């Protein structure tokens, strides 16, 4: 998994909303999760062009956020 911290942040955002017992808090948590998923795509694109060796690393580590899914 190339971005384990991001999946952790998504889980914290959603978990915090549920711990607060507020369904309305899931809205900003969901927006934050979507933004983090978008960020992983943008970050991968940038790293592929600007970081030497990242292409080989991304070839070895296929999945971005969820193992065996994406």
PDB file of N, CA and C in Angstrom:
ATOM      1  N   UNK A   1       0.854  -1.163   0.000  1.00  0.00           N
ATOM      2  CA  UNK A   1       0.000   0.000   0.000  1.00  0.00           C
ATOM      3  C   UNK A   1       0.906   1.234   0.000  1.00  0.00           C
ATOM      4  N   UNK A   2       0.655   2.133  -0.956  1.00  0.00           N
ATOM      5  CA  UNK A   2       1.533   3.294  -1.107  1.00  0.00           C
ATOM      6  C   UNK A   2       1.170   4.451  -0.172  1.00  0.00           C
ATOM      7  N   UNK A   3      -0.064   4.547   0.267  1.00  0.00           N
ATOM      8  CA  UNK A   3      -0.480   5.684   1.089  1.00  0.00           C
ATOM      9  C   UNK A   3      -1.206   5.223   2.360  1.00  0.00           C
ATOM     10  N   UNK A   4      -0.508   4.529   3.250  1.00  0.00           N
ATOM     11  CA  UNK A   4      -1.188   4.017   4.449  1.00  0.00           C
ATOM     12  C   UNK A   4      -1.655   5.130   5.390  1.00  0.00           C
ATOM     13  N   UNK A   5      -0.969   6.238   5.423  1.00  0.00           N
ATOM     14  CA  UNK A   5      -1.393   7.329   6.315  1.00  0.00           C
ATOM     15  C   UNK A   5      -2.723   7.915   5.871  1.00  0.00           C
ATOM     16  N   UNK A   6      -2.945   7.953   4.563  1.00  0.00           N
ATOM     17  CA  UNK A   6      -4.200   8.519   4.059  1.00  0.00           C
ATOM     18  C   UNK A   6      -5.389   7.637   4.405  1.00  0.00           C
ATOM     19  N   UNK A   7      -5.237   6.330   4.306  1.00  0.00           N
ATOM     20  CA  UNK A   7      -6.339   5.451   4.682  1.00  0.00           C
ATOM     21  C   UNK A   7      -6.597   5.565   6.182  1.00  0.00           C
ATOM     22  N   UNK A   8      -5.527   5.748   6.957  1.00  0.00           N
ATOM     23  CA  UNK A   8      -5.703   5.974   8.393  1.00  0.00           C
ATOM     24  C   UNK A   8      -6.452   7.256   8.681  1.00  0.00           C
ATOM     25  N   UNK A   9      -6.143   8.317   7.943  1.00  0.00           N
ATOM     26  CA  UNK A   9      -6.843   9.593   8.147  1.00  0.00           C
ATOM     27  C   UNK A   9      -8.310   9.482   7.754  1.00  0.00           C
ATOM     28  N   UNK A  10      -8.605   8.731   6.690  1.00  0.00           N
ATOM     29  CA  UNK A  10      -9.998   8.538   6.278  1.00  0.00           C
ATOM     30  C   UNK A  10     -10.764   7.797   7.368  1.00  0.00           C
ATOM     31  N   UNK A  11     -10.158   6.766   7.929  1.00  0.00           N
ATOM     32  CA  UNK A  11     -10.815   6.010   8.990  1.00  0.00           C
ATOM     33  C   UNK A  11     -11.028   6.861  10.239  1.00  0.00           C
ATOM     34  N   UNK A  12     -10.061   7.712  10.563  1.00  0.00           N
ATOM     35  CA  UNK A  12     -10.208   8.602  11.726  1.00  0.00           C
ATOM     36  C   UNK A  12     -11.343   9.593  11.498  1.00  0.00           C
ATOM     37  N   UNK A  13     -11.400  10.182  10.309  1.00  0.00           N
ATOM     38  CA  UNK A  13     -12.465  11.145  10.002  1.00  0.00           C
ATOM     39  C   UNK A  13     -13.842  10.501  10.153  1.00  0.00           C
ATOM     40  N   UNK A  14     -14.015   9.335   9.556  1.00  0.00           N
ATOM     41  CA  UNK A  14     -15.317   8.681   9.615  1.00  0.00           C
ATOM     42  C   UNK A  14     -15.607   8.159  11.024  1.00  0.00           C
ATOM     43  N   UNK A  15     -14.592   7.614  11.675  1.00  0.00           N
ATOM     44  CA  UNK A  15     -14.778   7.102  13.032  1.00  0.00           C
ATOM     45  C   UNK A  15     -15.108   8.193  14.035  1.00  0.00           C
ATOM     46  N   UNK A  16     -14.473   9.346  13.884  1.00  0.00           N
ATOM     47  CA  UNK A  16     -14.760  10.469  14.779  1.00  0.00           C
ATOM     48  C   UNK A  16     -16.207  10.917  14.624  1.00  0.00           C
ATOM     49  N   UNK A  17     -16.674  10.961  13.396  1.00  0.00           N
ATOM     50  CA  UNK A  17     -18.069  11.342  13.159  1.00  0.00           C
ATOM     51  C   UNK A  17     -19.019  10.368  13.854  1.00  0.00           C
ATOM     52  N   UNK A  18     -18.721   9.097  13.760  1.00  0.00           N
ATOM     53  CA  UNK A  18     -19.586   8.102  14.395  1.00  0.00           C
ATOM     54  C   UNK A  18     -19.466   8.133  15.918  1.00  0.00           C
ATOM     55  N   UNK A  19     -18.260   8.379  16.435  1.00  0.00           N
ATOM     56  CA  UNK A  19     -18.087   8.458  17.888  1.00  0.00           C
ATOM     57  C   UNK A  19     -18.852   9.639  18.470  1.00  0.00           C
ATOM     58  N   UNK A  20     -18.931  10.719  17.714  1.00  0.00           N
ATOM     59  CA  UNK A  20     -19.694  11.870  18.178  1.00  0.00           C
ATOM     60  C   UNK A  20     -21.192  11.607  18.154  1.00  0.00           C
ATOM     61  N   UNK A  21     -21.593  10.566  17.458  1.00  0.00           N
ATOM     62  CA  UNK A  21     -23.009  10.231  17.378  1.00  0.00           C
ATOM     63  C   UNK A  21     -23.784  11.193  16.501  1.00  0.00           C
ATOM     64  N   UNK A  22     -23.105  11.838  15.599  1.00  0.00           N
ATOM     65  CA  UNK A  22     -23.743  12.832  14.743  1.00  0.00           C
ATOM     66  C   UNK A  22     -23.681  12.377  13.297  1.00  0.00           C
ATOM     67  N   UNK A  23     -24.860  12.119  12.744  1.00  0.00           N
ATOM     68  CA  UNK A  23     -24.916  11.745  11.340  1.00  0.00           C
ATOM     69  C   UNK A  23     -24.537  12.929  10.460  1.00  0.00           C
ATOM     70  N   UNK A  24     -24.784  14.132  10.950  1.00  0.00           N
ATOM     71  CA  UNK A  24     -24.406  15.316  10.176  1.00  0.00           C
ATOM     72  C   UNK A  24     -22.888  15.465  10.083  1.00  0.00           C
ATOM     73  N   UNK A  25     -22.182  14.957  11.066  1.00  0.00           N
ATOM     74  CA  UNK A  25     -20.721  15.032  11.039  1.00  0.00           C
ATOM     75  C   UNK A  25     -20.131  14.119   9.971  1.00  0.00           C
ATOM     76  N   UNK A  26     -20.929  13.164   9.467  1.00  0.00           N
ATOM     77  CA  UNK A  26     -20.451  12.302   8.385  1.00  0.00           C
ATOM     78  C   UNK A  26     -20.289  13.081   7.075  1.00  0.00           C
ATOM     79  N   UNK A  27     -21.000  14.183   6.931  1.00  0.00           N
ATOM     80  CA  UNK A  27     -20.896  14.973   5.700  1.00  0.00           C
ATOM     81  C   UNK A  27     -19.487  15.541   5.534  1.00  0.00           C
ATOM     82  N   UNK A  28     -18.973  16.313   6.509  1.00  0.00           N
ATOM     83  CA  UNK A  28     -17.598  16.790   6.324  1.00  0.00           C
ATOM     84  C   UNK A  28     -16.568  15.655   6.343  1.00  0.00           C
ATOM     85  N   UNK A  29     -16.853  14.588   7.079  1.00  0.00           N
ATOM     86  CA  UNK A  29     -15.957  13.442   7.075  1.00  0.00           C
ATOM     87  C   UNK A  29     -15.912  12.788   5.702  1.00  0.00           C
ATOM     88  N   UNK A  30     -17.061  12.676   5.055  1.00  0.00           N
ATOM     89  CA  UNK A  30     -17.119  12.112   3.712  1.00  0.00           C
ATOM     90  C   UNK A  30     -16.440  12.999   2.687  1.00  0.00           C
ATOM     91  N   UNK A  31     -16.639  14.304   2.828  1.00  0.00           N
ATOM     92  CA  UNK A  31     -15.974  15.245   1.923  1.00  0.00           C
ATOM     93  C   UNK A  31     -14.465  15.148   2.096  1.00  0.00           C
ATOM     94  N   UNK A  32     -14.024  15.068   3.331  1.00  0.00           N
ATOM     95  CA  UNK A  32     -12.599  14.927   3.603  1.00  0.00           C
ATOM     96  C   UNK A  32     -12.052  13.632   3.008  1.00  0.00           C
ATOM     97  N   UNK A  33     -12.805  12.553   3.109  1.00  0.00           N
ATOM     98  CA  UNK A  33     -12.373  11.270   2.553  1.00  0.00           C
ATOM     99  C   UNK A  33     -12.244  11.352   1.034  1.00  0.00           C
ATOM    100  N   UNK A  34     -13.204  11.974   0.383  1.00  0.00           N
ATOM    101  CA  UNK A  34     -13.143  12.123  -1.075  1.00  0.00           C
ATOM    102  C   UNK A  34     -11.936  12.968  -1.473  1.00  0.00           C
ATOM    103  N   UNK A  35     -11.690  14.034  -0.734  1.00  0.00           N
ATOM    104  CA  UNK A  35     -10.542  14.888  -1.042  1.00  0.00           C
ATOM    105  C   UNK A  35      -9.218  14.143  -0.861  1.00  0.00           C
ATOM    106  N   UNK A  36      -9.142  13.302   0.149  1.00  0.00           N
ATOM    107  CA  UNK A  36      -7.918  12.521   0.354  1.00  0.00           C
ATOM    108  C   UNK A  36      -7.707  11.495  -0.764  1.00  0.00           C
ATOM    109  N   UNK A  37      -8.786  10.907  -1.258  1.00  0.00           N
ATOM    110  CA  UNK A  37      -8.667   9.973  -2.380  1.00  0.00           C
ATOM    111  C   UNK A  37      -8.184  10.718  -3.620  1.00  0.00           C
ATOM    112  N   UNK A  38      -8.747  11.900  -3.867  1.00  0.00           N
ATOM    113  CA  UNK A  38      -8.282  12.711  -4.992  1.00  0.00           C
ATOM    114  C   UNK A  38      -6.823  13.103  -4.828  1.00  0.00           C
ATOM    115  N   UNK A  39      -6.441  13.405  -3.603  1.00  0.00           N
ATOM    116  CA  UNK A  39      -5.058  13.802  -3.332  1.00  0.00           C
ATOM    117  C   UNK A  39      -4.084  12.668  -3.656  1.00  0.00           C
ATOM    118  N   UNK A  40      -4.473  11.427  -3.377  1.00  0.00           N
ATOM    119  CA  UNK A  40      -3.568  10.317  -3.680  1.00  0.00           C
ATOM    120  C   UNK A  40      -3.298  10.225  -5.173  1.00  0.00           C
ATOM    121  N   UNK A  41      -4.318  10.452  -5.990  1.00  0.00           N
ATOM    122  CA  UNK A  41      -4.120  10.432  -7.435  1.00  0.00           C
ATOM    123  C   UNK A  41      -3.203  11.540  -7.904  1.00  0.00           C
ATOM    124  N   UNK A  42      -3.444  12.742  -7.385  1.00  0.00           N
ATOM    125  CA  UNK A  42      -2.595  13.878  -7.754  1.00  0.00           C
ATOM    126  C   UNK A  42      -1.166  13.689  -7.263  1.00  0.00           C
ATOM    127  N   UNK A  43      -1.041  13.162  -6.069  1.00  0.00           N
ATOM    128  CA  UNK A  43       0.290  12.942  -5.500  1.00  0.00           C
ATOM    129  C   UNK A  43       1.059  11.891  -6.291  1.00  0.00           C
ATOM    130  N   UNK A  44       0.370  10.813  -6.669  1.00  0.00           N
ATOM    131  CA  UNK A  44       1.037   9.786  -7.473  1.00  0.00           C
ATOM    132  C   UNK A  44       1.503  10.353  -8.811  1.00  0.00           C
ATOM    133  N   UNK A  45       0.654  11.143  -9.449  1.00  0.00           N
ATOM    134  CA  UNK A  45       1.031  11.733 -10.738  1.00  0.00           C
ATOM    135  C   UNK A  45       2.258  12.631 -10.588  1.00  0.00           C
ATOM    136  N   UNK A  46       2.277  13.439  -9.546  1.00  0.00           N
ATOM    137  CA  UNK A  46       3.410  14.331  -9.313  1.00  0.00           C
ATOM    138  C   UNK A  46       4.677  13.544  -9.006  1.00  0.00           C
ATOM    139  N   UNK A  47       4.565  12.540  -8.141  1.00  0.00           N
ATOM    140  CA  UNK A  47       5.741  11.751  -7.774  1.00  0.00           C
ATOM    141  C   UNK A  47       6.301  10.974  -8.961  1.00  0.00           C
ATOM    142  N   UNK A  48       5.423  10.501  -9.854  1.00  0.00           N
ATOM    143  CA  UNK A  48       5.899   9.784 -11.038  1.00  0.00           C
ATOM    144  C   UNK A  48       6.753  10.672 -11.931  1.00  0.00           C
ATOM    145  N   UNK A  49       6.402  11.949 -12.016  1.00  0.00           N
ATOM    146  CA  UNK A  49       7.151  12.845 -12.893  1.00  0.00           C
ATOM    147  C   UNK A  49       8.359  13.474 -12.213  1.00  0.00           C
ATOM    148  N   UNK A  50       8.316  13.634 -10.898  1.00  0.00           N
ATOM    149  CA  UNK A  50       9.355  14.413 -10.231  1.00  0.00           C
ATOM    150  C   UNK A  50      10.289  13.633  -9.313  1.00  0.00           C
ATOM    151  N   UNK A  51       9.954  12.414  -8.970  1.00  0.00           N
ATOM    152  CA  UNK A  51      10.776  11.667  -8.020  1.00  0.00           C
ATOM    153  C   UNK A  51      11.430  10.472  -8.711  1.00  0.00           C
ATOM    154  N   UNK A  52      12.719  10.495  -8.732  1.00  0.00           N
ATOM    155  CA  UNK A  52      13.455   9.393  -9.354  1.00  0.00           C
ATOM    156  C   UNK A  52      13.224   8.104  -8.568  1.00  0.00           C
ATOM    157  N   UNK A  53      12.943   7.030  -9.276  1.00  0.00           N
ATOM    158  CA  UNK A  53      12.741   5.743  -8.631  1.00  0.00           C
ATOM    159  C   UNK A  53      11.312   5.463  -8.216  1.00  0.00           C
ATOM    160  N   UNK A  54      10.437   6.460  -8.298  1.00  0.00           N
ATOM    161  CA  UNK A  54       9.055   6.234  -7.857  1.00  0.00           C
ATOM    162  C   UNK A  54       8.300   5.322  -8.817  1.00  0.00           C
ATOM    163  N   UNK A  55       8.652   5.372 -10.093  1.00  0.00           N
ATOM    164  CA  UNK A  55       7.975   4.513 -11.067  1.00  0.00           C
ATOM    165  C   UNK A  55       8.232   3.043 -10.738  1.00  0.00           C
ATOM    166  N   UNK A  56       9.471   2.714 -10.385  1.00  0.00           N
ATOM    167  CA  UNK A  56       9.794   1.339 -10.004  1.00  0.00           C
ATOM    168  C   UNK A  56       9.091   0.954  -8.707  1.00  0.00           C
ATOM    169  N   UNK A  57       9.088   1.880  -7.751  1.00  0.00           N
ATOM    170  CA  UNK A  57       8.406   1.630  -6.479  1.00  0.00           C
ATOM    171  C   UNK A  57       6.911   1.385  -6.700  1.00  0.00           C
ATOM    172  N   UNK A  58       6.281   2.210  -7.545  1.00  0.00           N
ATOM    173  CA  UNK A  58       4.847   2.043  -7.778  1.00  0.00           C
ATOM    174  C   UNK A  58       4.561   0.755  -8.541  1.00  0.00           C
ATOM    175  N   UNK A  59       5.531   0.279  -9.318  1.00  0.00           N
ATOM    176  CA  UNK A  59       5.362  -1.010  -9.986  1.00  0.00           C
ATOM    177  C   UNK A  59       5.399  -2.169  -9.009  1.00  0.00           C
ATOM    178  N   UNK A  60       6.225  -2.054  -7.977  1.00  0.00           N
ATOM    179  CA  UNK A  60       6.314  -3.096  -6.949  1.00  0.00           C
ATOM    180  C   UNK A  60       5.142  -3.032  -5.982  1.00  0.00           C
ATOM    181  N   UNK A  61       4.708  -1.825  -5.667  1.00  0.00           N
ATOM    182  CA  UNK A  61       3.622  -1.594  -4.710  1.00  0.00           C
ATOM    183  C   UNK A  61       2.408  -1.143  -5.504  1.00  0.00           C
ATOM    184  N   UNK A  62       1.598  -2.089  -5.952  1.00  0.00           N
ATOM    185  CA  UNK A  62       0.543  -1.795  -6.915  1.00  0.00           C
ATOM    186  C   UNK A  62      -0.604  -0.962  -6.347  1.00  0.00           C
ATOM    187  N   UNK A  63      -0.972  -1.198  -5.110  1.00  0.00           N
ATOM    188  CA  UNK A  63      -2.204  -0.612  -4.584  1.00  0.00           C
ATOM    189  C   UNK A  63      -1.929   0.680  -3.836  1.00  0.00           C
ATOM    190  N   UNK A  64      -2.818   1.665  -4.044  1.00  0.00           N
ATOM    191  CA  UNK A  64      -2.659   2.977  -3.406  1.00  0.00           C
ATOM    192  C   UNK A  64      -3.202   2.992  -1.975  1.00  0.00           C
ATOM    193  N   UNK A  65      -4.476   2.643  -1.832  1.00  0.00           N
ATOM    194  CA  UNK A  65      -5.116   2.766  -0.525  1.00  0.00           C
ATOM    195  C   UNK A  65      -5.620   1.451   0.058  1.00  0.00           C
ATOM    196  N   UNK A  66      -6.266   0.645  -0.766  1.00  0.00           N
ATOM    197  CA  UNK A  66      -6.901  -0.567  -0.269  1.00  0.00           C
ATOM    198  C   UNK A  66      -6.235  -1.773  -0.927  1.00  0.00           C
ATOM    199  N   UNK A  67      -5.557  -2.624  -0.159  1.00  0.00           N
ATOM    200  CA  UNK A  67      -4.881  -3.783  -0.750  1.00  0.00           C
ATOM    201  C   UNK A  67      -5.828  -4.656  -1.570  1.00  0.00           C
ATOM    202  N   UNK A  68      -5.350  -5.068  -2.723  1.00  0.00           N
ATOM    203  CA  UNK A  68      -6.064  -5.923  -3.670  1.00  0.00           C
ATOM    204  C   UNK A  68      -7.302  -5.280  -4.276  1.00  0.00           C
ATOM    205  N   UNK A  69      -7.525  -3.982  -4.038  1.00  0.00           N
ATOM    206  CA  UNK A  69      -8.671  -3.290  -4.634  1.00  0.00           C
ATOM    207  C   UNK A  69      -8.203  -2.109  -5.465  1.00  0.00           C
ATOM    208  N   UNK A  70      -7.516  -1.143  -4.824  1.00  0.00           N
ATOM    209  CA  UNK A  70      -7.110   0.077  -5.526  1.00  0.00           C
ATOM    210  C   UNK A  70      -5.854   0.641  -4.932  1.00  0.00           C
TER     211      UNK A  70
END
